C-alpha cells in the first residue's frame, strides 16, 4: 500500500499503542467528478504509471470508500471494497 500511496502523491500514517491496537491510515489526493486526461509524451512512461494489481479497500465511511475506489480504478487497479474488517474477510 505504501508504494501505491507514494506513487499517487499520497502518504501512509500508522499509530500503534499497547493494549489499544494499531491504526493505519492511507491518504490520497481528492478525486474530482470528471477525470482529467493527461497525455504522456512517452507512451512507455505512461504505461509504467498505471497499476495492474488488485487492491482490497477497507473503509467504513462510504463516501470516502467510493472516492478512493474510483481514484484507484482510474489508475488501473482492480478494487475490492469492504466496509470493515469482518466484511473484508470473505472478499479476500
Protein backbone atom coordinates (compact mmCIF):
# COMPACT_ATOMS: atom_id res chain seq x y z
CA UNK A 1 0.00 0.00 0.00
CA UNK A 2 2.91 2.34 0.73
CA UNK A 3 4.06 2.14 -2.90
CA UNK A 4 0.57 2.91 -4.21
CA UNK A 5 0.21 5.89 -1.88
CA UNK A 6 3.63 7.34 -2.75
CA UNK A 7 3.10 6.73 -6.47
CA UNK A 8 -0.11 8.77 -6.32
CA UNK A 9 1.32 11.65 -4.23
CA UNK A 10 -0.26 10.35 -1.02
CA UNK A 11 1.11 9.08 2.26
CA UNK A 12 0.61 6.41 4.93
CA UNK A 13 0.17 7.16 8.65
CA UNK A 14 0.44 4.41 11.26
CA UNK A 15 -0.14 4.60 15.02
CA UNK A 16 0.16 1.75 17.50
CA UNK A 17 -0.39 1.72 21.26
CA UNK A 18 -0.02 -1.26 23.60
CA UNK A 19 -3.46 -2.57 24.54
CA UNK A 20 -5.16 -0.19 22.09
CA UNK A 21 -4.29 -1.78 18.74
CA UNK A 22 -2.90 -0.33 15.54
CA UNK A 23 -4.43 2.19 13.21
CA UNK A 24 -3.14 2.61 9.66
CA UNK A 25 -4.47 5.44 7.50
CA UNK A 26 -3.73 5.96 3.84
CA UNK A 27 -4.18 9.48 2.48
CA UNK A 28 -4.64 10.02 -1.25
CA UNK A 29 -5.36 13.22 -3.19
CA UNK A 30 -9.01 14.18 -3.79
CA UNK A 31 -10.86 12.70 -6.76
CA UNK A 32 -12.63 15.21 -8.99
CA UNK A 33 -16.03 14.50 -10.54
CA UNK A 34 -14.57 14.31 -14.04
CA UNK A 35 -11.27 12.50 -14.64
CA UNK A 36 -8.66 14.68 -16.28
CA UNK A 37 -6.89 13.11 -19.22
CA UNK A 38 -3.16 13.64 -19.06
CA UNK A 39 -1.22 12.93 -22.21
CA UNK A 40 2.21 11.50 -21.72
CA UNK A 41 4.82 12.25 -24.37
CA UNK A 42 6.40 8.90 -23.66
CA UNK A 43 3.94 6.00 -24.01
CA UNK A 44 6.23 3.66 -22.10
CA UNK A 45 6.40 6.05 -19.13
CA UNK A 46 2.59 6.41 -19.23
CA UNK A 47 2.12 2.66 -19.10
CA UNK A 48 4.51 2.36 -16.16
CA UNK A 49 2.41 4.84 -14.16
CA UNK A 50 -0.67 2.62 -14.23
CA UNK A 51 -1.33 -0.09 -11.71
CA UNK A 52 -2.33 -3.61 -12.62
CA UNK A 53 -2.70 -5.08 -9.14
CA UNK A 54 -5.85 -5.90 -7.18
CA UNK A 55 -6.36 -3.83 -4.02
CA UNK A 56 -8.60 -4.67 -1.06
CA UNK A 57 -10.01 -1.33 0.13
CA UNK A 58 -11.48 -1.38 3.65
CA UNK A 59 -13.12 1.86 4.79
CA UNK A 60 -16.20 2.36 6.98
CA UNK A 61 -17.11 5.78 5.58
CA UNK A 62 -18.96 5.05 2.35
CA UNK A 63 -18.25 8.38 0.56
CA UNK A 64 -14.53 8.04 1.28
CA UNK A 65 -14.56 4.39 0.21
CA UNK A 66 -16.29 5.26 -3.08
CA UNK A 67 -13.92 8.16 -3.83
CA UNK A 68 -10.82 6.12 -3.00
CA UNK A 69 -12.09 3.20 -5.08
CA UNK A 70 -12.75 5.47 -8.03
CA UNK A 71 -9.32 7.07 -7.67
CA UNK A 72 -7.62 3.67 -7.74
CA UNK A 73 -9.74 2.33 -10.63
CA UNK A 74 -8.88 5.40 -12.73
CA UNK A 75 -5.25 4.44 -12.27
CA UNK A 76 -5.77 0.88 -13.50
CA UNK A 77 -6.20 -1.04 -10.24
CA UNK A 78 -8.89 -3.64 -9.65
CA UNK A 79 -10.55 -2.65 -6.37
CA UNK A 80 -12.40 -4.96 -3.98
CA UNK A 81 -14.32 -2.92 -1.41
CA UNK A 82 -15.40 -3.71 2.14
CA UNK A 83 -16.83 -1.52 4.89
CA UNK A 84 -14.89 -3.13 7.77
CA UNK A 85 -12.55 -5.98 8.62
CA UNK A 86 -15.32 -8.53 9.09
CA UNK A 87 -16.88 -7.55 5.75
CA UNK A 88 -13.42 -7.87 4.15
CA UNK A 89 -12.77 -11.46 5.24
CA UNK A 90 -14.97 -13.18 2.62
CA UNK A 91 -13.82 -10.71 -0.06
CA UNK A 92 -10.15 -11.52 0.33
